[in-house]
Amino acid sequence: MSSEWPLWEVFIRGQHGLNHRHVGSLHAVDAEHALRNARDVYTRRHEGLSIWVARASDIVASSPTDDGPRFAPDDARIYPHPTLRDEAGTP
C-alpha cells in the first residue's frame, strides 16, 4: 500500500462569481482534511465564498484526442428545425 495521500483538486467560488474555478491541487488524507488545507492554502485573503474539493481519481474528463459526436463541428450535427403549423396541425 502506498504511503502517499490521495491527490485532491480544489475549486473556489469567488465573491463576485457564480461558478467555481479550478485553483490547484493538494494531497490530503480525506475530504475534510482536503477542505481545511484548501482553505489555508488557497483562500488566505478571504477571496472565496465556497470551496469544492474532489478526489482527482474520481474526476472523469475527455481527452483532446476524443473524436466522438460531442466534439464534432457544429455543422456536422443534425438538429431538428421547428416548423410553423396552423391550428389544424399542418405545416
C-alpha atoms as a PDB file:
ATOM      1  CA  MET A   1       0.000   0.000   0.000  1.00  0.00           C
ATOM      2  CA  SER A   2       1.276   3.453  -0.891  1.00  0.00           C
ATOM      3  CA  SER A   3       2.021   5.817   1.979  1.00  0.00           C
ATOM      4  CA  GLU A   4       1.265   8.849  -0.224  1.00  0.00           C
ATOM      5  CA  TRP A   5      -2.006  10.674   0.490  1.00  0.00           C
ATOM      6  CA  PRO A   6      -4.583  10.946  -2.306  1.00  0.00           C
ATOM      7  CA  LEU A   7      -4.487  13.933  -4.642  1.00  0.00           C
ATOM      8  CA  TRP A   8      -7.411  16.378  -4.435  1.00  0.00           C
ATOM      9  CA  GLU A   9      -8.400  19.067  -6.934  1.00  0.00           C
ATOM     10  CA  VAL A  10      -9.542  22.382  -5.445  1.00  0.00           C
ATOM     11  CA  PHE A  11     -12.252  24.645  -6.882  1.00  0.00           C
ATOM     12  CA  ILE A  12     -13.153  28.032  -5.386  1.00  0.00           C
ATOM     13  CA  ARG A  13     -16.134  30.306  -5.988  1.00  0.00           C
ATOM     14  CA  GLY A  14     -15.081  33.928  -5.872  1.00  0.00           C
ATOM     15  CA  GLN A  15     -17.050  36.699  -4.198  1.00  0.00           C
ATOM     16  CA  HIS A  16     -18.247  38.157  -7.500  1.00  0.00           C
ATOM     17  CA  GLY A  17     -18.896  34.972  -9.441  1.00  0.00           C
ATOM     18  CA  LEU A  18     -21.431  32.189  -9.615  1.00  0.00           C
ATOM     19  CA  ASN A  19     -19.094  29.486 -10.854  1.00  0.00           C
ATOM     20  CA  HIS A  20     -16.280  27.630  -9.170  1.00  0.00           C
ATOM     21  CA  ARG A  21     -12.881  27.679 -10.861  1.00  0.00           C
ATOM     22  CA  HIS A  22     -10.016  25.280 -10.501  1.00  0.00           C
ATOM     23  CA  VAL A  23      -7.235  26.842  -8.436  1.00  0.00           C
ATOM     24  CA  GLY A  24      -4.899  23.951  -7.767  1.00  0.00           C
ATOM     25  CA  SER A  25      -4.266  20.566  -6.242  1.00  0.00           C
ATOM     26  CA  LEU A  26      -3.156  19.206  -2.885  1.00  0.00           C
ATOM     27  CA  HIS A  27      -2.650  15.946  -1.046  1.00  0.00           C
ATOM     28  CA  ALA A  28      -4.858  15.119   1.942  1.00  0.00           C
ATOM     29  CA  VAL A  29      -5.986  12.084   3.938  1.00  0.00           C
ATOM     30  CA  ASP A  30      -9.727  12.637   3.416  1.00  0.00           C
ATOM     31  CA  ALA A  31     -12.256  15.208   2.189  1.00  0.00           C
ATOM     32  CA  GLU A  32     -12.411  17.136   5.476  1.00  0.00           C
ATOM     33  CA  HIS A  33      -8.636  17.382   5.619  1.00  0.00           C
ATOM     34  CA  ALA A  34      -8.608  18.497   1.954  1.00  0.00           C
ATOM     35  CA  LEU A  35     -11.158  21.249   2.702  1.00  0.00           C
ATOM     36  CA  ARG A  36      -9.135  22.553   5.656  1.00  0.00           C
ATOM     37  CA  ASN A  37      -5.912  22.508   3.662  1.00  0.00           C
ATOM     38  CA  ALA A  38      -7.577  24.153   0.650  1.00  0.00           C
ATOM     39  CA  ARG A  39      -8.915  26.936   2.867  1.00  0.00           C
ATOM     40  CA  ASP A  40      -5.478  27.531   4.350  1.00  0.00           C
ATOM     41  CA  VAL A  41      -3.583  27.367   1.059  1.00  0.00           C
ATOM     42  CA  TYR A  42      -5.967  28.955  -1.456  1.00  0.00           C
ATOM     43  CA  THR A  43      -8.072  31.484   0.499  1.00  0.00           C
ATOM     44  CA  ARG A  44      -5.567  33.389   2.607  1.00  0.00           C
ATOM     45  CA  ARG A  45      -7.162  36.748   1.823  1.00  0.00           C
ATOM     46  CA  HIS A  46     -10.786  35.587   2.246  1.00  0.00           C
ATOM     47  CA  GLU A  47     -11.347  35.830  -1.511  1.00  0.00           C
ATOM     48  CA  GLY A  48     -13.542  32.734  -1.749  1.00  0.00           C
ATOM     49  CA  LEU A  49     -17.164  32.172  -0.789  1.00  0.00           C
ATOM     50  CA  SER A  50     -17.224  28.441  -1.346  1.00  0.00           C
ATOM     51  CA  ILE A  51     -14.662  25.655  -1.719  1.00  0.00           C
ATOM     52  CA  TRP A  52     -15.112  22.376  -3.520  1.00  0.00           C
ATOM     53  CA  VAL A  53     -12.608  19.535  -3.299  1.00  0.00           C
ATOM     54  CA  ALA A  54     -12.755  16.444  -5.481  1.00  0.00           C
ATOM     55  CA  ARG A  55     -10.518  13.416  -5.320  1.00  0.00           C
ATOM     56  CA  ALA A  56      -8.528  13.587  -8.547  1.00  0.00           C
ATOM     57  CA  SER A  57      -9.060   9.883  -9.210  1.00  0.00           C
ATOM     58  CA  ASP A  58     -12.856  10.448  -9.235  1.00  0.00           C
ATOM     59  CA  ILE A  59     -12.780  13.095 -11.970  1.00  0.00           C
ATOM     60  CA  VAL A  60     -13.638  11.899 -15.446  1.00  0.00           C
ATOM     61  CA  ALA A  61     -12.506  14.060 -18.342  1.00  0.00           C
ATOM     62  CA  SER A  62     -12.469  13.906 -22.100  1.00  0.00           C
ATOM     63  CA  SER A  63      -9.227  13.542 -23.973  1.00  0.00           C
ATOM     64  CA  PRO A  64      -8.016  16.036 -26.589  1.00  0.00           C
ATOM     65  CA  THR A  65      -7.887  13.094 -28.996  1.00  0.00           C
ATOM     66  CA  ASP A  66     -11.558  12.139 -28.499  1.00  0.00           C
ATOM     67  CA  ASP A  67     -13.399  12.387 -31.792  1.00  0.00           C
ATOM     68  CA  GLY A  68     -16.891  11.328 -30.809  1.00  0.00           C
ATOM     69  CA  PRO A  69     -20.097  13.190 -31.657  1.00  0.00           C
ATOM     70  CA  ARG A  70     -19.679  15.560 -28.686  1.00  0.00           C
ATOM     71  CA  PHE A  71     -16.646  17.070 -30.355  1.00  0.00           C
ATOM     72  CA  ALA A  72     -17.863  17.172 -33.940  1.00  0.00           C
ATOM     73  CA  PRO A  73     -18.022  20.645 -35.544  1.00  0.00           C
ATOM     74  CA  ASP A  74     -21.436  22.277 -35.224  1.00  0.00           C
ATOM     75  CA  ASP A  75     -22.159  21.993 -38.948  1.00  0.00           C
ATOM     76  CA  ALA A  76     -21.830  18.190 -38.704  1.00  0.00           C
ATOM     77  CA  ARG A  77     -24.525  17.877 -36.050  1.00  0.00           C
ATOM     78  CA  ILE A  78     -28.106  17.278 -37.033  1.00  0.00           C
ATOM     79  CA  TYR A  79     -30.596  19.492 -35.251  1.00  0.00           C
ATOM     80  CA  PRO A  80     -34.345  19.268 -35.786  1.00  0.00           C
ATOM     81  CA  HIS A  81     -35.690  22.543 -37.116  1.00  0.00           C
ATOM     82  CA  PRO A  82     -39.052  23.736 -35.793  1.00  0.00           C
ATOM     83  CA  THR A  83     -41.766  24.200 -38.376  1.00  0.00           C
ATOM     84  CA  LEU A  84     -44.712  26.506 -38.079  1.00  0.00           C
ATOM     85  CA  ARG A  85     -48.050  24.776 -38.052  1.00  0.00           C
ATOM     86  CA  ASP A  86     -51.510  26.169 -38.434  1.00  0.00           C
ATOM     87  CA  GLU A  87     -54.322  25.475 -35.983  1.00  0.00           C
ATOM     88  CA  ALA A  88     -55.108  22.187 -37.737  1.00  0.00           C
ATOM     89  CA  GLY A  89     -51.544  20.997 -37.191  1.00  0.00           C
ATOM     90  CA  THR A  90     -50.477  21.038 -40.831  1.00  0.00           C
ATOM     91  CA  PRO A  91     -47.300  22.815 -41.939  1.00  0.00           C
END
